[in-house]
Amino acid sequence: MGHFIHKYGVNRTIFLVTGDEKAYCTSTYGNLTNVFISPHWFAPEEDLALMSTCSDTIVTVGTFGWWGGFLSRGEVLHDRRSPTDHRPADVDCK
């Protein structure tokens, strides 16, 4: 989050948090004034639609986050320990 606050400025940065653990997201980020947590009644496809409107994205490892990053318009940040070689699954499963 600090990366984007530094890049755009604290007054120009709003974070949208999506995911399937809304209670955790609310307890972790709910007290921050520049964070919007998608409503608990949103279906995954609605969260993904919201992510696609973002100018930049911070994602966790997983198909949902990767699609959200792919569909968004800008920079995608992920944990540097995440795989980045994007090899086909059959290479990893031999």
N, C-alpha and C. Protein backbone atom coordinates (compact mmCIF):
# COMPACT_ATOMS: atom_id res chain seq x y z
N MET A 1 0.82 -1.17 0.00
CA MET A 1 0.00 0.00 0.00
C MET A 1 0.87 1.25 0.00
N GLY A 2 1.99 1.15 0.71
CA GLY A 2 2.91 2.27 0.78
C GLY A 2 3.44 2.67 -0.59
N HIS A 3 3.65 1.69 -1.46
CA HIS A 3 4.14 1.96 -2.81
C HIS A 3 3.20 2.91 -3.55
N PHE A 4 1.91 2.62 -3.50
CA PHE A 4 0.95 3.45 -4.24
C PHE A 4 0.70 4.78 -3.54
N ILE A 5 0.77 4.81 -2.22
CA ILE A 5 0.64 6.09 -1.52
C ILE A 5 1.81 7.00 -1.89
N HIS A 6 3.01 6.41 -1.97
CA HIS A 6 4.19 7.19 -2.38
C HIS A 6 4.06 7.63 -3.85
N LYS A 7 3.55 6.75 -4.69
CA LYS A 7 3.45 7.04 -6.12
C LYS A 7 2.41 8.13 -6.42
N TYR A 8 1.25 8.06 -5.77
CA TYR A 8 0.15 8.97 -6.10
C TYR A 8 -0.12 10.04 -5.04
N GLY A 9 0.38 9.85 -3.84
CA GLY A 9 0.09 10.78 -2.74
C GLY A 9 -1.05 10.25 -1.88
N VAL A 10 -0.96 10.53 -0.60
CA VAL A 10 -1.93 9.98 0.34
C VAL A 10 -3.35 10.48 0.07
N ASN A 11 -3.49 11.69 -0.41
CA ASN A 11 -4.82 12.25 -0.66
C ASN A 11 -5.41 11.82 -2.00
N ARG A 12 -4.63 11.13 -2.82
CA ARG A 12 -5.11 10.71 -4.14
C ARG A 12 -5.16 9.20 -4.27
N THR A 13 -5.04 8.48 -3.16
CA THR A 13 -5.00 7.03 -3.20
C THR A 13 -6.16 6.44 -2.42
N ILE A 14 -6.94 5.62 -3.09
CA ILE A 14 -8.04 4.88 -2.45
C ILE A 14 -7.81 3.41 -2.75
N PHE A 15 -7.95 2.59 -1.74
CA PHE A 15 -7.77 1.15 -1.90
C PHE A 15 -9.12 0.45 -1.86
N LEU A 16 -9.31 -0.48 -2.77
CA LEU A 16 -10.48 -1.33 -2.81
C LEU A 16 -10.03 -2.73 -2.41
N VAL A 17 -10.62 -3.28 -1.38
CA VAL A 17 -10.26 -4.62 -0.90
C VAL A 17 -11.38 -5.57 -1.26
N THR A 18 -11.05 -6.63 -1.98
CA THR A 18 -12.02 -7.67 -2.32
C THR A 18 -11.50 -9.00 -1.78
N GLY A 19 -12.36 -9.97 -1.73
CA GLY A 19 -11.93 -11.29 -1.29
C GLY A 19 -13.07 -12.07 -0.68
N ASP A 20 -12.78 -13.33 -0.38
CA ASP A 20 -13.82 -14.19 0.18
C ASP A 20 -13.83 -14.21 1.70
N GLU A 21 -12.92 -13.50 2.33
CA GLU A 21 -12.88 -13.41 3.79
C GLU A 21 -13.14 -11.95 4.20
N LYS A 22 -14.37 -11.52 4.00
CA LYS A 22 -14.74 -10.11 4.24
C LYS A 22 -14.54 -9.71 5.70
N ALA A 23 -14.83 -10.62 6.64
CA ALA A 23 -14.67 -10.29 8.06
C ALA A 23 -13.20 -10.00 8.36
N TYR A 24 -12.29 -10.81 7.82
CA TYR A 24 -10.86 -10.58 8.02
C TYR A 24 -10.45 -9.24 7.39
N CYS A 25 -10.91 -9.00 6.18
CA CYS A 25 -10.58 -7.73 5.50
C CYS A 25 -11.05 -6.54 6.30
N THR A 26 -12.26 -6.64 6.85
CA THR A 26 -12.81 -5.54 7.64
C THR A 26 -12.02 -5.33 8.92
N SER A 27 -11.66 -6.44 9.60
CA SER A 27 -10.90 -6.29 10.85
C SER A 27 -9.48 -5.79 10.60
N THR A 28 -8.92 -6.10 9.45
CA THR A 28 -7.55 -5.70 9.15
C THR A 28 -7.47 -4.29 8.56
N TYR A 29 -8.38 -3.95 7.66
CA TYR A 29 -8.28 -2.69 6.92
C TYR A 29 -9.45 -1.73 7.16
N GLY A 30 -10.46 -2.17 7.87
CA GLY A 30 -11.68 -1.39 8.02
C GLY A 30 -11.53 -0.06 8.73
N ASN A 31 -10.47 0.11 9.51
CA ASN A 31 -10.28 1.37 10.23
C ASN A 31 -9.52 2.42 9.42
N LEU A 32 -9.09 2.08 8.23
CA LEU A 32 -8.34 3.01 7.39
C LEU A 32 -9.31 3.85 6.56
N THR A 33 -9.09 5.15 6.54
CA THR A 33 -10.04 6.05 5.87
C THR A 33 -9.98 5.99 4.35
N ASN A 34 -8.89 5.49 3.80
CA ASN A 34 -8.77 5.43 2.35
C ASN A 34 -8.96 4.01 1.80
N VAL A 35 -9.67 3.17 2.56
CA VAL A 35 -9.92 1.78 2.16
C VAL A 35 -11.42 1.54 2.05
N PHE A 36 -11.84 1.00 0.91
CA PHE A 36 -13.22 0.57 0.70
C PHE A 36 -13.20 -0.95 0.59
N ILE A 37 -13.99 -1.63 1.39
CA ILE A 37 -14.09 -3.09 1.34
C ILE A 37 -15.38 -3.45 0.63
N SER A 38 -15.27 -4.30 -0.38
CA SER A 38 -16.48 -4.65 -1.13
C SER A 38 -17.49 -5.30 -0.18
N PRO A 39 -18.76 -5.04 -0.40
CA PRO A 39 -19.80 -5.54 0.51
C PRO A 39 -19.80 -7.06 0.62
N HIS A 40 -20.19 -7.56 1.78
CA HIS A 40 -20.17 -9.01 2.02
C HIS A 40 -21.14 -9.76 1.11
N TRP A 41 -22.14 -9.09 0.56
CA TRP A 41 -23.10 -9.76 -0.31
C TRP A 41 -22.63 -9.81 -1.77
N PHE A 42 -21.51 -9.19 -2.08
CA PHE A 42 -21.01 -9.23 -3.45
C PHE A 42 -20.56 -10.65 -3.79
N ALA A 43 -20.95 -11.10 -4.96
CA ALA A 43 -20.49 -12.39 -5.48
C ALA A 43 -19.08 -12.21 -6.05
N PRO A 44 -18.35 -13.32 -6.23
CA PRO A 44 -16.99 -13.21 -6.77
C PRO A 44 -16.93 -12.45 -8.10
N GLU A 45 -17.90 -12.66 -8.96
CA GLU A 45 -17.87 -11.96 -10.25
C GLU A 45 -18.05 -10.45 -10.08
N GLU A 46 -18.76 -10.03 -9.04
CA GLU A 46 -18.90 -8.60 -8.78
C GLU A 46 -17.60 -8.02 -8.23
N ASP A 47 -16.92 -8.79 -7.37
CA ASP A 47 -15.60 -8.36 -6.90
C ASP A 47 -14.63 -8.24 -8.07
N LEU A 48 -14.66 -9.21 -8.98
CA LEU A 48 -13.77 -9.18 -10.13
C LEU A 48 -14.09 -7.98 -11.04
N ALA A 49 -15.36 -7.68 -11.20
CA ALA A 49 -15.74 -6.51 -11.99
C ALA A 49 -15.21 -5.23 -11.34
N LEU A 50 -15.28 -5.14 -10.01
CA LEU A 50 -14.71 -3.98 -9.31
C LEU A 50 -13.21 -3.90 -9.54
N MET A 51 -12.53 -5.04 -9.43
CA MET A 51 -11.08 -5.04 -9.62
C MET A 51 -10.71 -4.57 -11.02
N SER A 52 -11.53 -4.90 -12.00
CA SER A 52 -11.21 -4.51 -13.38
C SER A 52 -11.25 -3.00 -13.59
N THR A 53 -11.88 -2.27 -12.68
CA THR A 53 -11.95 -0.81 -12.80
C THR A 53 -10.77 -0.11 -12.14
N CYS A 54 -9.93 -0.85 -11.46
CA CYS A 54 -8.82 -0.25 -10.72
C CYS A 54 -7.70 0.18 -11.66
N SER A 55 -7.05 1.28 -11.30
CA SER A 55 -5.93 1.74 -12.11
C SER A 55 -4.68 0.92 -11.83
N ASP A 56 -4.52 0.41 -10.63
CA ASP A 56 -3.40 -0.45 -10.25
C ASP A 56 -3.95 -1.50 -9.29
N THR A 57 -3.18 -2.59 -9.10
CA THR A 57 -3.70 -3.70 -8.31
C THR A 57 -2.61 -4.31 -7.44
N ILE A 58 -2.97 -4.68 -6.22
CA ILE A 58 -2.12 -5.49 -5.35
C ILE A 58 -2.83 -6.82 -5.22
N VAL A 59 -2.16 -7.91 -5.58
CA VAL A 59 -2.82 -9.22 -5.57
C VAL A 59 -2.06 -10.22 -4.70
N THR A 60 -2.81 -11.21 -4.24
CA THR A 60 -2.20 -12.35 -3.58
C THR A 60 -2.08 -13.46 -4.61
N VAL A 61 -1.45 -14.55 -4.24
CA VAL A 61 -1.28 -15.67 -5.16
C VAL A 61 -2.60 -16.39 -5.31
N GLY A 62 -3.00 -16.62 -6.52
CA GLY A 62 -4.23 -17.35 -6.80
C GLY A 62 -4.85 -16.88 -8.10
N THR A 63 -5.64 -17.73 -8.67
CA THR A 63 -6.26 -17.43 -9.95
C THR A 63 -7.10 -16.17 -9.90
N PHE A 64 -7.88 -15.99 -8.84
CA PHE A 64 -8.76 -14.83 -8.74
C PHE A 64 -7.96 -13.53 -8.78
N GLY A 65 -6.93 -13.45 -7.97
CA GLY A 65 -6.11 -12.24 -7.94
C GLY A 65 -5.39 -12.00 -9.25
N TRP A 66 -4.88 -13.07 -9.85
CA TRP A 66 -4.18 -12.90 -11.12
C TRP A 66 -5.13 -12.39 -12.20
N TRP A 67 -6.36 -12.89 -12.24
CA TRP A 67 -7.33 -12.38 -13.22
C TRP A 67 -7.67 -10.93 -12.93
N GLY A 68 -7.83 -10.60 -11.67
CA GLY A 68 -8.10 -9.21 -11.31
C GLY A 68 -6.99 -8.28 -11.77
N GLY A 69 -5.75 -8.70 -11.59
CA GLY A 69 -4.62 -7.91 -12.06
C GLY A 69 -4.57 -7.81 -13.57
N PHE A 70 -4.87 -8.92 -14.23
CA PHE A 70 -4.86 -8.94 -15.70
C PHE A 70 -5.92 -7.99 -16.26
N LEU A 71 -7.09 -7.97 -15.64
CA LEU A 71 -8.19 -7.15 -16.14
C LEU A 71 -8.08 -5.68 -15.76
N SER A 72 -7.26 -5.36 -14.76
CA SER A 72 -7.11 -3.96 -14.37
C SER A 72 -6.22 -3.24 -15.39
N ARG A 73 -6.12 -1.94 -15.25
CA ARG A 73 -5.47 -1.14 -16.28
C ARG A 73 -4.00 -0.86 -16.04
N GLY A 74 -3.48 -1.08 -14.86
CA GLY A 74 -2.14 -0.56 -14.60
C GLY A 74 -1.19 -1.56 -13.99
N GLU A 75 -0.39 -1.04 -13.09
CA GLU A 75 0.65 -1.81 -12.42
C GLU A 75 0.02 -2.87 -11.50
N VAL A 76 0.63 -4.06 -11.48
CA VAL A 76 0.17 -5.14 -10.61
C VAL A 76 1.31 -5.51 -9.67
N LEU A 77 1.06 -5.38 -8.38
CA LEU A 77 2.05 -5.77 -7.37
C LEU A 77 1.65 -7.11 -6.77
N HIS A 78 2.65 -7.97 -6.58
CA HIS A 78 2.42 -9.26 -5.93
C HIS A 78 3.61 -9.57 -5.05
N ASP A 79 3.45 -10.55 -4.20
CA ASP A 79 4.53 -10.99 -3.33
C ASP A 79 5.69 -11.47 -4.21
N ARG A 80 6.87 -10.97 -3.95
CA ARG A 80 8.01 -11.34 -4.80
C ARG A 80 8.36 -12.82 -4.72
N ARG A 81 7.85 -13.51 -3.71
CA ARG A 81 8.10 -14.95 -3.62
C ARG A 81 7.14 -15.75 -4.48
N SER A 82 6.20 -15.07 -5.13
CA SER A 82 5.24 -15.75 -6.01
C SER A 82 5.96 -16.21 -7.27
N PRO A 83 5.50 -17.30 -7.85
CA PRO A 83 6.13 -17.74 -9.10
C PRO A 83 5.95 -16.70 -10.19
N THR A 84 6.99 -16.47 -10.95
CA THR A 84 6.90 -15.50 -12.04
C THR A 84 7.31 -16.09 -13.39
N ASP A 85 7.66 -17.36 -13.41
CA ASP A 85 8.11 -17.93 -14.68
C ASP A 85 6.95 -18.38 -15.56
N HIS A 86 5.76 -18.53 -15.01
CA HIS A 86 4.54 -18.84 -15.76
C HIS A 86 4.71 -20.03 -16.69
N ARG A 87 5.31 -21.09 -16.17
CA ARG A 87 5.48 -22.29 -16.97
C ARG A 87 4.15 -23.05 -17.04
N PRO A 88 3.95 -23.82 -18.09
CA PRO A 88 2.73 -24.63 -18.18
C PRO A 88 2.66 -25.61 -17.01
N ALA A 89 1.46 -25.93 -16.59
CA ALA A 89 1.27 -26.84 -15.46
C ALA A 89 1.88 -28.21 -15.72
N ASP A 90 1.88 -28.66 -16.98
CA ASP A 90 2.41 -30.00 -17.26
C ASP A 90 3.91 -30.08 -16.99
N VAL A 91 4.63 -28.97 -17.04
CA VAL A 91 6.05 -28.97 -16.71
C VAL A 91 6.24 -29.22 -15.22
N ASP A 92 5.39 -28.61 -14.39
CA ASP A 92 5.51 -28.75 -12.95
C ASP A 92 4.97 -30.08 -12.43
N CYS A 93 4.18 -30.77 -13.22
CA CYS A 93 3.50 -31.98 -12.74
C CYS A 93 4.14 -33.26 -13.23
N LYS A 94 5.27 -33.20 -13.89
CA LYS A 94 5.93 -34.42 -14.39
C LYS A 94 6.64 -35.13 -13.29
